[in-house]
Protein backbone atom coordinates (compact mmCIF):
# COMPACT_ATOMS: atom_id res chain seq x y z
CA MET A 1 -27.57 141.45 75.63
CA SER A 2 -31.07 140.22 74.84
CA GLU A 3 -32.58 136.75 75.15
CA ARG A 4 -31.10 134.06 72.90
CA TYR A 5 -34.46 132.81 71.60
CA GLU A 6 -38.16 133.55 71.34
CA TYR A 7 -40.98 131.07 70.59
CA MET A 8 -43.23 131.94 67.66
CA SER A 9 -46.60 130.69 66.45
CA HIS A 10 -46.87 128.85 63.12
CA ARG A 11 -49.84 127.45 61.20
CA LEU A 12 -48.24 123.98 60.99
CA LEU A 13 -47.36 123.51 64.68
CA ARG A 14 -48.12 119.94 65.82
CA ARG A 15 -48.74 118.90 62.18
CA TRP A 16 -46.83 116.42 60.02
CA VAL A 17 -44.38 118.37 57.84
CA ARG A 18 -41.46 117.80 55.45
CA ASP A 19 -38.08 119.52 55.52
CA VAL A 20 -37.52 120.27 51.82
CA ALA A 21 -33.75 120.55 52.36
CA SER A 22 -33.34 116.98 53.64
CA GLY A 23 -36.61 115.32 52.63
CA VAL A 24 -37.16 114.14 56.22
CA GLU A 25 -40.72 114.19 57.57
CA GLY A 26 -41.89 114.61 61.14
CA GLU A 27 -44.03 116.63 63.55
CA LEU A 28 -43.35 120.37 63.79
CA MET A 29 -42.68 120.84 67.51
CA ALA A 30 -41.65 124.49 67.72
CA VAL A 31 -40.69 127.57 65.75
CA VAL A 32 -38.08 129.74 67.43
CA ASN A 33 -36.52 133.08 66.56
CA GLU A 34 -33.02 132.28 67.74
CA ASN A 35 -29.76 134.19 68.04
CA VAL A 36 -27.37 131.85 66.22
CA SER A 37 -24.28 134.02 66.55
CA ASP A 38 -21.35 132.98 68.70
CA THR A 39 -19.89 136.50 68.63
CA ALA A 40 -20.97 139.82 70.12
CA ALA A 41 -22.82 140.72 66.90
CA GLU A 42 -26.30 139.17 67.06
CA ARG A 43 -27.61 137.13 64.12
CA TRP A 44 -31.24 136.06 64.42
CA MET A 45 -32.88 133.25 62.42
CA GLU A 46 -36.32 131.65 62.46
CA LEU A 47 -35.71 127.94 63.03
CA ALA A 48 -38.24 125.11 62.89
CA TYR A 49 -37.74 122.14 65.21
CA ILE A 50 -39.10 118.89 63.75
CA ARG A 51 -39.38 115.53 65.53
CA ALA A 52 -38.82 112.74 63.01
CA ALA A 53 -40.51 109.33 63.28
CA SER A 54 -37.33 108.03 64.98
CA GLY A 55 -37.98 110.44 67.87
CA ARG A 56 -34.93 112.59 67.15
CA GLU A 57 -35.49 116.32 66.73
CA PHE A 58 -33.63 118.47 64.25
CA SER A 59 -33.78 122.09 63.20
CA THR A 60 -34.12 123.68 59.79
CA ALA A 61 -34.96 127.10 58.41
CA VAL A 62 -38.69 127.87 58.63
CA ALA A 63 -38.68 128.53 54.88
CA ASN A 64 -37.79 124.83 54.36
CA VAL A 65 -40.96 123.55 56.06
CA GLU A 66 -43.97 122.41 54.04
CA PRO A 67 -47.00 120.27 54.90
CA ALA A 68 -46.36 116.58 54.25
CA ALA A 69 -48.73 114.90 51.82
CA ASP A 70 -49.24 111.78 53.94
CA GLN A 71 -49.95 111.69 57.64
CA PRO A 72 -48.44 108.86 59.72
CA ARG A 73 -50.82 106.05 60.60
CA THR A 74 -51.45 104.55 64.01
CA ALA A 75 -51.48 100.81 64.71
CA THR A 76 -55.20 100.74 63.85
CA GLY A 77 -54.53 102.31 60.45
CA ARG A 78 -56.24 105.61 61.26
CA PRO A 79 -54.56 109.02 61.15
CA PRO A 80 -53.52 110.11 64.69
CA ASP A 81 -56.17 112.86 64.86
CA ALA A 82 -59.10 110.67 63.64
CA LYS A 83 -62.02 110.17 66.00
CA PRO A 84 -63.09 106.57 66.76
């Protein structure tokens, strides 16, 4: 039996994204090619792991991930990646 998951690169890693299935936005933390089968027959899916503003992470199909229009603001009102 092979490994149960494999990390993959993605152009939106560490960016603010939206899950089109749920409408929830958050930071794309990882993209994983994961064996989701609980039987002997393997079934692999590419899953995106998103950390919502609440701090909870959830997974969705990679095809459901799109860039979010608005980036979250920090306490100073600047985007998190803005230089002072």
